[in-house]
Protein backbone atom coordinates (compact mmCIF):
# COMPACT_ATOMS: atom_id res chain seq x y z
CA UNK A 1 65.75 -7.90 15.08
CA UNK A 2 68.85 -5.97 16.02
CA UNK A 3 71.42 -7.11 18.54
CA UNK A 4 70.56 -4.18 20.81
CA UNK A 5 66.89 -5.13 20.72
CA UNK A 6 67.72 -8.75 21.61
CA UNK A 7 69.93 -7.60 24.47
CA UNK A 8 67.25 -5.25 25.82
CA UNK A 9 64.62 -7.99 25.59
CA UNK A 10 66.88 -10.48 27.38
CA UNK A 11 67.69 -7.92 30.07
CA UNK A 12 63.99 -7.21 30.66
CA UNK A 13 63.23 -10.95 30.87
CA UNK A 14 66.09 -11.44 33.33
CA UNK A 15 64.87 -8.55 35.48
CA UNK A 16 61.33 -9.99 35.48
CA UNK A 17 62.67 -13.41 36.46
CA UNK A 18 64.79 -11.89 39.23
CA UNK A 19 61.71 -10.12 40.61
CA UNK A 20 59.73 -13.38 40.56
CA UNK A 21 62.59 -15.19 42.32
CA UNK A 22 62.86 -12.50 44.99
CA UNK A 23 59.10 -12.53 45.59
CA UNK A 24 59.02 -16.33 45.79
CA UNK A 25 62.00 -16.32 48.16
CA UNK A 26 60.26 -13.85 50.49
CA UNK A 27 57.22 -16.13 50.49
CA UNK A 28 59.41 -19.13 51.41
CA UNK A 29 60.89 -17.09 54.27
CA UNK A 30 57.44 -16.11 55.54
CA UNK A 31 56.03 -19.62 55.25
CA UNK A 32 59.17 -21.05 56.83
CA UNK A 33 58.73 -18.77 59.84
CA UNK A 34 55.11 -19.85 60.16
CA UNK A 35 56.22 -23.48 59.98
CA UNK A 36 58.81 -22.96 62.72
CA UNK A 37 56.16 -21.24 64.84
CA UNK A 38 53.93 -24.30 64.67
CA UNK A 39 51.19 -23.24 62.27
CA UNK A 40 49.06 -26.26 61.30
CA UNK A 41 48.78 -25.37 57.61
CA UNK A 42 52.34 -24.08 57.35
CA UNK A 43 53.95 -27.23 55.98
CA UNK A 44 51.70 -27.33 52.92
CA UNK A 45 52.19 -23.62 52.34
CA UNK A 46 55.95 -23.97 52.71
CA UNK A 47 56.07 -26.84 50.20
CA UNK A 48 53.95 -24.85 47.72
CA UNK A 49 56.05 -21.72 48.08
CA UNK A 50 59.28 -23.73 47.71
CA UNK A 51 57.92 -25.20 44.46
CA UNK A 52 57.06 -21.70 43.28
CA UNK A 53 60.61 -20.59 44.04
CA UNK A 54 62.01 -23.49 42.03
CA UNK A 55 59.72 -22.69 39.10
CA UNK A 56 60.67 -19.01 39.22
CA UNK A 57 64.37 -19.88 39.14
CA UNK A 58 64.14 -22.29 36.21
CA UNK A 59 64.91 -21.16 32.72
CA UNK A 60 62.53 -22.30 29.95
CA UNK A 61 64.74 -25.21 28.86
CA UNK A 62 65.07 -26.51 32.44
CA UNK A 63 61.32 -26.24 32.84
CA UNK A 64 60.72 -28.18 29.67
CA UNK A 65 63.20 -30.91 30.63
CA UNK A 66 61.74 -31.15 34.13
CA UNK A 67 58.22 -31.72 32.76
CA UNK A 68 59.41 -34.24 30.17
CA UNK A 69 61.27 -36.28 32.81
CA UNK A 70 58.41 -36.38 35.33
């Protein structure tokens, strides 16, 4: 594989990860607002969306280490 191909692949993966992070962050914001407004189910949703944000922000090595150390 050429260097340019590796760079393009890495760039595409980074862009995909950035989109997942942004989407997860928006969900945390939404669930956080619901939580502050007193929604009964909001705490569980906020915790789940915060976990999703963390998972979206992890790189593969961090993910692997996190699961090994649990």
